[in-house]
N, C-alpha and C. Protein backbone atom coordinates (compact mmCIF):
# COMPACT_ATOMS: atom_id res chain seq x y z
N PHE A 1 -12.42 -13.10 1.03
CA PHE A 1 -11.96 -13.98 2.41
C PHE A 1 -11.01 -13.61 3.29
N LEU A 2 -10.53 -13.42 4.30
CA LEU A 2 -9.54 -13.29 4.80
C LEU A 2 -9.49 -13.90 6.19
N ASP A 3 -8.38 -14.88 6.41
CA ASP A 3 -8.31 -15.91 7.18
C ASP A 3 -9.68 -16.58 7.64
N GLY A 4 -9.96 -16.81 6.73
CA GLY A 4 -11.46 -17.76 6.49
C GLY A 4 -12.78 -16.86 7.00
N ARG A 5 -12.81 -15.85 7.43
CA ARG A 5 -13.86 -14.87 6.80
C ARG A 5 -14.14 -13.97 6.11
N ASN A 6 -15.54 -14.35 5.76
CA ASN A 6 -15.72 -13.24 4.91
C ASN A 6 -16.23 -11.88 5.08
N VAL A 7 -14.88 -11.02 4.29
CA VAL A 7 -14.85 -9.21 4.75
C VAL A 7 -15.55 -8.99 3.60
N THR A 8 -16.32 -9.23 2.81
CA THR A 8 -16.66 -8.63 1.60
C THR A 8 -17.74 -7.44 2.02
N ARG A 9 -18.40 -7.52 2.99
CA ARG A 9 -19.36 -6.21 3.99
C ARG A 9 -18.74 -5.36 4.55
N ALA A 10 -17.63 -5.87 4.88
CA ALA A 10 -17.22 -5.50 6.49
C ALA A 10 -17.00 -3.86 6.34
N ALA A 11 -17.08 -2.95 7.52
CA ALA A 11 -16.63 -1.94 7.92
C ALA A 11 -14.97 -1.91 7.61
N PRO A 12 -14.62 -0.53 7.57
CA PRO A 12 -13.41 -0.22 7.33
C PRO A 12 -12.53 -0.53 8.69
N ALA A 13 -13.02 0.31 10.05
CA ALA A 13 -12.44 -0.54 10.99
C ALA A 13 -12.16 -2.16 11.06
N GLU A 14 -13.38 -2.68 10.78
CA GLU A 14 -13.64 -4.17 10.81
C GLU A 14 -12.54 -4.99 9.64
N LEU A 15 -12.57 -4.35 8.94
CA LEU A 15 -11.32 -4.68 7.93
C LEU A 15 -9.78 -4.62 8.92
N GLN A 16 -9.60 -3.53 9.13
CA GLN A 16 -8.58 -3.08 9.58
C GLN A 16 -8.12 -4.25 10.95
N ARG A 17 -9.01 -4.75 11.39
CA ARG A 17 -8.65 -5.44 12.69
C ARG A 17 -8.32 -6.71 12.26
N THR A 18 -9.00 -7.10 11.13
CA THR A 18 -8.83 -8.98 10.69
C THR A 18 -7.50 -8.92 9.69
N GLY A 19 -6.73 -7.28 9.86
CA GLY A 19 -5.67 -7.21 9.00
C GLY A 19 -5.33 -6.84 7.69
N LEU A 20 -6.03 -6.07 7.38
CA LEU A 20 -6.23 -5.54 6.16
C LEU A 20 -5.93 -3.80 5.88
N ALA A 21 -5.46 -3.58 5.16
CA ALA A 21 -5.06 -2.09 5.08
C ALA A 21 -4.88 -1.68 3.30
N ARG A 22 -5.58 -0.96 3.58
CA ARG A 22 -5.82 -0.14 1.72
C ARG A 22 -5.18 0.86 1.81
N SER A 23 -4.86 1.11 0.16
CA SER A 23 -4.38 2.58 -0.04
C SER A 23 -5.19 2.65 -1.63
N PHE A 24 -6.07 3.64 -1.67
CA PHE A 24 -6.87 3.76 -2.86
C PHE A 24 -6.22 4.60 -3.82
N GLN A 25 -6.86 4.71 -4.99
CA GLN A 25 -6.56 4.91 -6.34
C GLN A 25 -5.96 6.68 -6.03
N ILE A 26 -7.36 7.08 -5.02
CA ILE A 26 -7.20 8.56 -4.90
C ILE A 26 -6.41 8.72 -3.61
N THR A 27 -5.46 9.71 -3.80
CA THR A 27 -4.59 9.76 -2.30
C THR A 27 -5.54 10.20 -0.85
N ASN A 28 -4.80 9.66 0.32
CA ASN A 28 -6.02 9.87 1.12
C ASN A 28 -5.10 10.32 2.62
N LEU A 29 -4.84 11.53 2.03
CA LEU A 29 -3.80 11.81 3.37
C LEU A 29 -4.71 13.19 4.43
N PHE A 30 -3.82 13.35 5.35
CA PHE A 30 -3.75 14.98 5.57
C PHE A 30 -3.24 15.80 5.59
N PHE A 31 -3.41 16.56 4.54
CA PHE A 31 -2.65 17.42 3.55
C PHE A 31 -2.04 18.54 4.74
N GLU A 32 -2.81 19.34 5.73
CA GLU A 32 -2.17 20.10 6.63
C GLU A 32 -1.31 19.82 7.60
N MET A 33 -1.39 18.78 7.93
CA MET A 33 -0.63 18.20 8.55
C MET A 33 0.72 17.86 8.41
N THR A 34 1.86 17.20 9.57
CA THR A 34 3.15 17.07 8.53
C THR A 34 2.96 15.14 9.05
N VAL A 35 4.22 15.24 7.95
CA VAL A 35 4.77 13.85 7.77
C VAL A 35 4.31 12.81 9.08
N ARG A 36 5.28 13.65 10.10
CA ARG A 36 5.23 12.48 10.94
C ARG A 36 4.03 12.75 11.77
N GLU A 37 2.88 13.42 11.86
CA GLU A 37 1.77 13.62 12.48
C GLU A 37 0.59 12.77 11.31
N ASN A 38 0.69 12.73 10.17
CA ASN A 38 -0.02 11.45 9.47
C ASN A 38 0.15 10.13 9.79
N LEU A 39 1.57 9.82 10.31
CA LEU A 39 2.24 8.62 10.56
C LEU A 39 1.44 8.04 11.85
N ARG A 40 1.66 9.16 12.81
CA ARG A 40 1.32 8.89 13.97
C ARG A 40 -0.15 8.74 14.20
N LEU A 41 -1.07 9.22 13.58
CA LEU A 41 -2.31 9.13 13.12
C LEU A 41 -2.55 7.87 13.20
N ALA A 42 -1.89 7.41 11.83
CA ALA A 42 -2.70 5.76 11.33
C ALA A 42 -1.70 4.59 12.18
N ALA A 43 -1.00 5.16 13.49
CA ALA A 43 -0.24 4.29 14.04
C ALA A 43 -0.58 3.85 15.32
N GLN A 44 -1.58 5.26 15.53
CA GLN A 44 -2.96 5.17 16.84
C GLN A 44 -3.52 3.92 17.07
N VAL A 45 -3.81 3.17 15.61
CA VAL A 45 -4.72 1.94 16.28
C VAL A 45 -3.45 0.86 17.36
N LEU A 46 -2.31 1.11 17.29
CA LEU A 46 -1.40 0.03 18.19
C LEU A 46 -1.25 0.31 19.37
N GLU A 47 -1.92 1.54 19.72
CA GLU A 47 -2.43 1.78 21.34
C GLU A 47 -3.40 1.22 21.90
N PRO A 48 -3.25 1.24 23.55
CA PRO A 48 -4.78 0.82 23.98
C PRO A 48 -5.64 1.78 23.49
N PRO A 49 -7.02 0.93 23.91
CA PRO A 49 -8.09 2.40 23.57
C PRO A 49 -8.32 3.15 24.58
N SER A 50 -7.72 3.14 25.90
CA SER A 50 -7.73 3.82 27.03
C SER A 50 -6.89 4.63 26.95
N HIS A 51 -6.10 4.76 26.09
CA HIS A 51 -5.03 5.89 25.92
C HIS A 51 -5.47 6.80 24.39
N LEU A 52 -7.04 6.87 23.64
CA LEU A 52 -7.16 7.11 22.48
C LEU A 52 -7.36 8.76 23.01
N MET A 53 -7.82 9.01 23.68
CA MET A 53 -8.08 10.33 24.20
C MET A 53 -7.34 11.32 25.13
N ARG A 54 -5.98 10.57 25.42
CA ARG A 54 -5.21 11.30 25.98
C ARG A 54 -3.84 11.93 24.75
N PRO A 55 -3.14 12.56 25.56
CA PRO A 55 -1.88 13.68 24.73
C PRO A 55 -1.17 12.22 24.12
N LEU A 56 -0.62 12.30 23.03
CA LEU A 56 0.40 11.36 22.30
C LEU A 56 1.27 11.08 23.13
N ARG A 57 1.82 9.89 23.40
CA ARG A 57 3.44 9.75 23.94
C ARG A 57 4.16 9.91 23.07
N ARG A 58 5.34 9.85 23.62
CA ARG A 58 6.60 9.83 22.74
C ARG A 58 7.30 8.31 22.54
N THR A 59 6.90 7.46 23.52
CA THR A 59 7.31 6.06 23.45
C THR A 59 6.25 5.13 23.31
N GLY A 60 6.53 4.01 23.75
CA GLY A 60 5.52 3.12 22.94
C GLY A 60 5.12 2.56 21.69
N ARG A 61 4.70 1.64 21.63
CA ARG A 61 4.22 0.68 20.55
C ARG A 61 4.31 1.85 19.13
N ALA A 62 2.86 2.93 19.43
CA ALA A 62 3.02 3.52 18.07
C ALA A 62 4.19 4.28 17.82
N ALA A 63 4.72 5.25 19.22
CA ALA A 63 5.87 5.96 18.64
C ALA A 63 6.70 4.98 17.94
N ASN A 64 7.15 4.04 18.56
CA ASN A 64 8.14 3.19 18.03
C ASN A 64 7.94 2.90 16.67
N LYS A 65 6.62 2.45 15.98
CA LYS A 65 6.19 2.45 14.77
C LYS A 65 6.44 3.21 13.91
N VAL A 66 5.83 4.82 14.41
CA VAL A 66 6.41 5.75 13.53
C VAL A 66 7.93 6.00 12.97
N GLU A 67 8.65 5.74 14.15
CA GLU A 67 10.18 5.52 13.89
C GLU A 67 10.70 4.89 13.07
N GLU A 68 10.26 3.69 12.94
CA GLU A 68 10.85 2.54 12.03
C GLU A 68 10.12 2.78 10.77
N LEU A 69 9.10 3.53 10.47
CA LEU A 69 8.56 3.82 9.20
C LEU A 69 9.37 5.08 8.67
N ILE A 70 9.63 5.78 9.36
CA ILE A 70 10.36 6.73 9.40
C ILE A 70 11.73 6.96 8.44
N ALA A 71 12.29 5.27 8.86
CA ALA A 71 13.70 4.81 8.89
C ALA A 71 13.65 4.24 7.42
N ARG A 72 12.52 3.17 7.05
CA ARG A 72 12.29 2.26 6.60
C ARG A 72 11.94 3.01 4.97
N PHE A 73 11.15 4.14 5.30
CA PHE A 73 10.98 5.23 3.95
C PHE A 73 11.79 6.11 3.75
N GLU A 74 12.64 6.19 4.27
CA GLU A 74 13.68 6.87 4.33
C GLU A 74 12.74 9.07 4.23
N LEU A 75 12.39 8.98 5.51
CA LEU A 75 11.41 10.43 5.37
C LEU A 75 12.17 11.41 6.25
N HIS A 76 13.38 10.85 6.88
CA HIS A 76 13.89 11.94 8.03
C HIS A 76 13.89 13.55 7.60
N ASP A 77 14.31 13.32 6.50
CA ASP A 77 13.89 15.00 6.00
C ASP A 77 12.53 15.53 5.99
N LYS A 78 11.74 14.42 5.84
CA LYS A 78 10.27 14.95 5.51
C LYS A 78 9.29 15.29 6.61
N VAL A 79 10.29 14.74 7.99
CA VAL A 79 8.85 14.36 9.16
C VAL A 79 8.03 15.96 9.54
N HIS A 80 9.02 16.81 9.27
CA HIS A 80 8.15 18.06 9.53
C HIS A 80 7.75 19.21 8.58
N GLU A 81 7.60 18.28 7.22
CA GLU A 81 7.11 18.93 6.20
C GLU A 81 5.68 18.49 6.38
N GLN A 82 4.75 19.83 5.65
CA GLN A 82 3.38 19.54 5.38
C GLN A 82 3.12 18.58 4.46
N VAL A 83 2.55 17.57 4.63
CA VAL A 83 1.83 16.78 3.83
C VAL A 83 1.39 17.08 1.89
N GLY A 84 0.94 18.16 2.10
CA GLY A 84 0.37 19.00 0.86
C GLY A 84 1.43 19.78 -0.21
N HIS A 85 2.53 20.10 0.82
CA HIS A 85 3.90 20.30 -0.28
C HIS A 85 4.51 19.22 -0.55
N LEU A 86 4.44 17.89 -0.19
CA LEU A 86 4.95 17.04 -0.93
C LEU A 86 4.83 16.45 -2.32
N SER A 87 5.73 16.05 -3.14
CA SER A 87 5.23 15.29 -4.70
C SER A 87 4.30 14.64 -4.50
N HIS A 88 3.55 14.28 -5.52
CA HIS A 88 2.41 12.88 -5.58
C HIS A 88 3.16 11.76 -5.42
N GLY A 89 4.63 11.75 -5.93
CA GLY A 89 4.89 10.42 -5.60
C GLY A 89 5.41 9.86 -4.25
N GLU A 90 5.53 11.17 -3.09
CA GLU A 90 6.18 11.03 -2.00
C GLU A 90 4.82 10.90 -1.17
N GLN A 91 3.66 11.79 -1.56
CA GLN A 91 2.35 11.07 -1.05
C GLN A 91 1.79 9.97 -1.18
N ARG A 92 2.24 9.09 -2.35
CA ARG A 92 1.63 7.74 -2.41
C ARG A 92 2.76 6.96 -1.27
N ARG A 93 3.79 7.09 -1.23
CA ARG A 93 4.41 6.46 -0.50
C ARG A 93 4.11 6.42 0.69
N LEU A 94 4.01 8.04 1.40
CA LEU A 94 3.59 8.17 2.68
C LEU A 94 2.70 7.46 2.79
N GLU A 95 1.29 6.94 1.92
CA GLU A 95 0.42 6.58 2.20
C GLU A 95 0.50 4.99 2.44
N ILE A 96 1.64 4.37 1.72
CA ILE A 96 1.67 3.28 2.32
C ILE A 96 2.71 2.89 3.20
N ALA A 97 3.15 3.97 3.96
CA ALA A 97 3.80 3.73 5.06
C ALA A 97 2.79 3.87 6.29
N MET A 98 1.54 5.05 5.83
CA MET A 98 0.22 4.61 7.00
C MET A 98 -0.01 3.46 6.66
N CYS A 99 -0.67 2.86 5.74
CA CYS A 99 -1.05 1.60 5.80
C CYS A 99 -0.34 0.54 6.63
N LEU A 100 0.87 0.35 6.61
CA LEU A 100 2.00 -0.44 7.27
C LEU A 100 2.04 -0.11 8.93
N ALA A 101 1.66 1.12 9.28
CA ALA A 101 1.58 1.28 10.89
C ALA A 101 0.41 0.38 11.69
N CYS A 102 -0.45 0.25 10.62
CA CYS A 102 -1.21 -0.59 11.70
C CYS A 102 -1.24 -2.35 11.84
N GLU A 103 0.58 -2.56 11.10
CA GLU A 103 0.89 -3.75 10.99
C GLU A 103 -0.01 -5.24 10.12
N PRO A 104 -0.44 -4.80 9.13
CA PRO A 104 -1.34 -5.36 8.44
C PRO A 104 -0.52 -6.86 7.90
N LYS A 105 -2.16 -7.68 7.81
CA LYS A 105 -1.17 -9.44 6.73
C LYS A 105 -1.47 -8.80 5.46
N VAL A 106 -2.46 -8.02 5.35
CA VAL A 106 -2.46 -8.23 3.80
C VAL A 106 -2.58 -6.55 3.70
N LEU A 107 -1.98 -6.10 2.39
CA LEU A 107 -1.55 -4.53 2.35
C LEU A 107 -2.45 -4.63 0.48
N MET A 108 -3.52 -4.19 0.46
CA MET A 108 -4.22 -3.88 -0.83
C MET A 108 -3.74 -2.23 -1.55
N LEU A 109 -2.88 -2.58 -2.60
CA LEU A 109 -2.80 -1.02 -3.40
C LEU A 109 -3.78 -0.90 -4.51
N ASP A 110 -4.41 -0.03 -4.25
CA ASP A 110 -4.84 0.31 -5.83
C ASP A 110 -4.46 1.29 -6.69
N GLU A 111 -3.85 0.63 -7.81
CA GLU A 111 -3.20 1.92 -8.93
C GLU A 111 -2.09 2.62 -8.15
N PRO A 112 -1.11 2.08 -7.31
CA PRO A 112 0.03 3.03 -6.61
C PRO A 112 0.76 3.71 -7.21
N THR A 113 1.08 3.53 -8.46
CA THR A 113 2.00 4.39 -9.52
C THR A 113 1.31 5.53 -10.44
N GLN A 114 0.05 5.22 -10.47
CA GLN A 114 -0.81 6.01 -11.11
C GLN A 114 -0.51 7.54 -11.13
N GLY A 115 -0.33 8.64 -12.55
CA GLY A 115 0.15 9.72 -12.33
C GLY A 115 1.21 10.50 -11.62
N MET A 116 2.35 9.21 -11.72
CA MET A 116 3.54 9.48 -11.04
C MET A 116 4.51 9.49 -12.28
N SER A 117 5.77 10.08 -11.81
CA SER A 117 6.94 10.52 -12.57
C SER A 117 7.59 8.97 -13.22
N HIS A 118 8.29 8.87 -14.07
CA HIS A 118 9.14 7.62 -14.36
C HIS A 118 9.92 7.41 -12.92
N ALA A 119 10.80 8.53 -12.30
CA ALA A 119 11.54 8.17 -11.47
C ALA A 119 10.89 7.49 -10.15
N ASP A 120 9.32 8.34 -10.16
CA ASP A 120 8.72 7.96 -8.75
C ASP A 120 7.64 6.48 -8.75
N THR A 121 7.64 6.55 -10.29
CA THR A 121 7.73 4.58 -10.24
C THR A 121 8.17 3.89 -9.87
N GLU A 122 9.66 4.28 -10.64
CA GLU A 122 10.56 2.80 -10.03
C GLU A 122 10.98 3.20 -8.70
N GLU A 123 11.25 4.02 -8.03
CA GLU A 123 11.05 4.06 -6.49
C GLU A 123 9.93 3.41 -6.04
N THR A 124 8.75 3.54 -6.46
CA THR A 124 7.48 2.83 -5.49
C THR A 124 7.72 1.40 -5.87
N GLU A 125 8.07 1.25 -6.85
CA GLU A 125 8.03 -0.25 -7.58
C GLU A 125 8.92 -1.26 -6.85
N ALA A 126 10.44 -0.35 -6.35
CA ALA A 126 11.20 -0.68 -5.63
C ALA A 126 10.77 -1.18 -4.08
N LEU A 127 10.22 -0.04 -3.75
CA LEU A 127 9.51 -0.21 -2.11
C LEU A 127 8.38 -1.25 -1.59
N ILE A 128 7.88 -1.32 -3.11
CA ILE A 128 6.72 -2.56 -3.31
C ILE A 128 7.52 -3.84 -2.80
N ARG A 129 8.65 -4.30 -3.87
CA ARG A 129 9.00 -5.31 -3.67
C ARG A 129 9.97 -5.75 -2.47
N GLY A 130 10.27 -4.66 -1.62
CA GLY A 130 10.91 -5.00 -0.54
C GLY A 130 10.17 -4.91 0.22
N LEU A 131 8.39 -4.97 0.17
CA LEU A 131 7.07 -5.47 1.24
C LEU A 131 7.20 -6.73 1.20
N THR A 132 7.70 -7.44 0.02
CA THR A 132 6.73 -8.67 -0.08
C THR A 132 7.13 -9.73 0.82
N ASP A 133 8.02 -9.58 1.54
CA ASP A 133 8.97 -10.41 2.46
C ASP A 133 7.82 -10.14 4.14
N HIS A 134 7.52 -9.20 3.92
CA HIS A 134 6.74 -8.97 5.14
C HIS A 134 5.40 -8.49 5.68
N VAL A 135 4.52 -8.71 4.24
CA VAL A 135 3.41 -8.69 4.49
C VAL A 135 2.96 -9.09 2.97
N SER A 136 1.91 -10.05 3.05
CA SER A 136 1.10 -10.23 1.56
C SER A 136 0.22 -8.67 0.95
N ILE A 137 0.27 -8.85 -0.54
CA ILE A 137 0.20 -7.61 -1.01
C ILE A 137 -0.97 -8.04 -2.26
N LEU A 138 -2.42 -7.78 -2.25
CA LEU A 138 -3.01 -7.46 -3.61
C LEU A 138 -2.65 -6.00 -3.82
N LEU A 139 -2.26 -6.14 -5.46
CA LEU A 139 -2.23 -4.91 -5.98
C LEU A 139 -3.03 -4.99 -7.32
N ILE A 140 -3.61 -3.66 -7.47
CA ILE A 140 -4.54 -3.82 -8.66
C ILE A 140 -3.55 -2.38 -9.55
N GLU A 141 -3.11 -2.61 -10.59
CA GLU A 141 -2.37 -2.17 -11.36
C GLU A 141 -2.43 -2.20 -12.57
N HIS A 142 -2.42 -0.89 -13.41
CA HIS A 142 -2.80 -1.21 -14.90
C HIS A 142 -1.23 -1.30 -15.92
N ASP A 143 -0.31 -1.17 -15.17
CA ASP A 143 1.03 -1.04 -15.60
C ASP A 143 1.19 -2.81 -15.55
N ILE A 144 1.26 -3.11 -16.74
CA ILE A 144 2.00 -4.32 -16.67
C ILE A 144 2.83 -4.87 -16.14
N GLY A 145 4.07 -4.10 -16.46
CA GLY A 145 5.27 -4.41 -16.00
C GLY A 145 5.63 -4.00 -14.83
N ILE A 146 4.70 -3.27 -13.86
CA ILE A 146 5.10 -3.27 -12.67
C ILE A 146 4.70 -4.66 -11.99
N VAL A 147 3.41 -4.84 -12.53
CA VAL A 147 2.79 -6.37 -11.74
C VAL A 147 3.67 -7.23 -12.08
N MET A 148 4.35 -7.33 -13.10
CA MET A 148 5.35 -8.40 -13.31
C MET A 148 6.46 -8.39 -12.35
N ALA A 149 7.21 -7.16 -12.39
CA ALA A 149 8.43 -6.66 -11.97
C ALA A 149 8.01 -7.17 -10.14
N VAL A 150 7.21 -7.14 -9.67
CA VAL A 150 6.72 -7.25 -8.20
C VAL A 150 5.98 -8.46 -7.47
N SER A 151 5.31 -9.24 -8.46
CA SER A 151 4.65 -10.12 -8.60
C SER A 151 4.86 -11.76 -8.29
N ASP A 152 4.77 -12.36 -7.10
CA ASP A 152 5.29 -14.03 -7.14
C ASP A 152 4.16 -14.76 -7.90
N HIS A 153 2.51 -13.90 -8.07
CA HIS A 153 1.53 -14.66 -8.36
C HIS A 153 0.65 -13.56 -8.92
N VAL A 154 0.07 -14.31 -10.18
CA VAL A 154 -0.68 -12.63 -10.64
C VAL A 154 -2.17 -13.33 -11.29
N ILE A 155 -3.37 -12.72 -11.35
CA ILE A 155 -4.41 -13.22 -11.88
C ILE A 155 -4.74 -11.77 -12.73
N VAL A 156 -5.01 -12.07 -14.15
CA VAL A 156 -4.97 -10.81 -14.57
C VAL A 156 -7.59 -10.79 -15.06
N MET A 157 -7.48 -9.78 -15.38
CA MET A 157 -8.62 -9.39 -15.69
C MET A 157 -8.82 -8.85 -16.58
N HIS A 158 -10.18 -9.07 -17.34
CA HIS A 158 -10.21 -8.34 -18.42
C HIS A 158 -11.66 -8.26 -18.79
N GLN A 159 -12.37 -6.93 -19.06
CA GLN A 159 -13.44 -6.74 -19.22
C GLN A 159 -14.53 -7.48 -18.24
N GLY A 160 -13.56 -7.78 -16.84
CA GLY A 160 -14.93 -8.14 -15.46
C GLY A 160 -14.39 -9.78 -15.69
N GLN A 161 -13.65 -9.97 -16.29
CA GLN A 161 -13.73 -11.49 -16.48
C GLN A 161 -11.97 -12.22 -16.06
N LYS A 162 -11.52 -13.04 -15.04
CA LYS A 162 -10.31 -13.70 -14.90
C LYS A 162 -9.98 -14.41 -16.05
N ILE A 163 -8.86 -13.79 -16.71
CA ILE A 163 -8.67 -14.33 -17.98
C ILE A 163 -7.20 -15.48 -17.64
N ALA A 164 -6.75 -15.04 -16.75
CA ALA A 164 -5.42 -15.72 -16.53
C ALA A 164 -5.05 -15.95 -14.82
N ASP A 165 -4.19 -16.70 -14.58
CA ASP A 165 -3.72 -16.81 -13.38
C ASP A 165 -2.53 -17.52 -13.34
N GLY A 166 -1.69 -17.09 -12.51
CA GLY A 166 -0.13 -18.01 -12.54
C GLY A 166 0.77 -17.32 -11.83
N THR A 167 2.19 -17.77 -12.57
CA THR A 167 3.19 -16.72 -12.32
C THR A 167 3.53 -15.92 -13.38
N PRO A 168 4.18 -14.80 -13.03
CA PRO A 168 4.25 -13.73 -13.89
C PRO A 168 4.77 -14.31 -15.45
N THR A 169 5.87 -15.27 -15.59
CA THR A 169 6.33 -15.78 -16.51
C THR A 169 4.81 -16.67 -17.22
N GLU A 170 4.22 -17.54 -16.53
CA GLU A 170 2.81 -18.53 -16.95
C GLU A 170 1.97 -17.02 -17.44
N VAL A 171 1.88 -16.13 -17.09
CA VAL A 171 0.83 -15.21 -17.33
C VAL A 171 1.09 -14.57 -18.62
N ARG A 172 2.68 -14.07 -18.51
CA ARG A 172 2.80 -13.33 -19.81
C ARG A 172 2.88 -14.32 -20.78
N ALA A 173 3.04 -15.46 -20.87
CA ALA A 173 2.83 -16.07 -22.22
C ALA A 173 1.73 -16.67 -22.43
N ASN A 174 0.40 -16.36 -21.53
CA ASN A 174 -0.68 -16.90 -21.95
C ASN A 174 -1.35 -15.85 -23.15
N PRO A 175 -2.10 -16.39 -24.51
CA PRO A 175 -2.29 -16.17 -25.62
C PRO A 175 -3.37 -14.71 -25.08
N ALA A 176 -4.24 -15.23 -24.04
CA ALA A 176 -5.44 -14.42 -24.09
C ALA A 176 -4.73 -12.73 -23.23
N VAL A 177 -4.10 -13.06 -22.61
CA VAL A 177 -3.22 -11.62 -22.12
C VAL A 177 -2.44 -11.30 -22.94
N GLN A 178 -1.48 -11.85 -23.63
CA GLN A 178 -0.81 -11.26 -24.83
C GLN A 178 -2.13 -10.78 -25.94
N ALA A 179 -3.08 -10.98 -25.99
CA ALA A 179 -4.11 -10.43 -26.80
C ALA A 179 -4.54 -9.05 -26.21
N ALA A 180 -5.11 -9.35 -25.26
CA ALA A 180 -5.16 -8.08 -24.28
C ALA A 180 -4.59 -7.23 -23.79
N TYR A 181 -3.23 -7.59 -23.52
CA TYR A 181 -2.57 -6.47 -22.98
C TYR A 181 -1.15 -5.94 -23.75
N PHE A 182 -0.93 -6.91 -24.19
CA PHE A 182 0.09 -6.92 -25.33
C PHE A 182 -0.18 -6.03 -26.97
N GLY A 183 -1.20 -6.49 -27.41
CA GLY A 183 -1.81 -6.53 -28.50
C GLY A 183 -1.27 -7.28 -29.59
N HIS A 184 -0.92 -8.84 -29.03
CA HIS A 184 -0.87 -9.51 -30.15
C HIS A 184 -1.17 -11.18 -29.45
N GLY A 185 -1.13 -12.37 -30.08
CA GLY A 185 -0.85 -13.64 -29.51
C GLY A 185 -2.10 -13.70 -30.72
């Protein structure tokens, strides 16, 4: 449910209109396009439908959002680079930026740090922590350390069942979580 509406079977465009943006475990970018082009494509939803088949404007809400995201994600030196040439960590952060281009209420991140180097993981963790004041984040992540570092509320699933629900401190102290994820309890 999102804002009281059941969105379980909603199409992707409908989910986006309700305020949900998603980043999947498998990176979903246009690898032959530049960083700026990927961001611009994602921000296109901010333009009126009548502008959809017109040349991209250099001003307007979408263009302003692209510039804001370039600054926020520190992408100035990468804007003209083809996305396929970015590191895995840079691609994942770009994908998060693209999700934010549509100004969502809720950002769903599925394994955002999977396959990253330690340095990229730390950078992405800091990035996610910095977003929590602007958007609600639903984080699906197996790295319990990241979950605890960026969350103010945690629900732990184990073998398809909810085993804990609370603050990071409460969840960390939960015997079922300790047994399932920390190997003791």
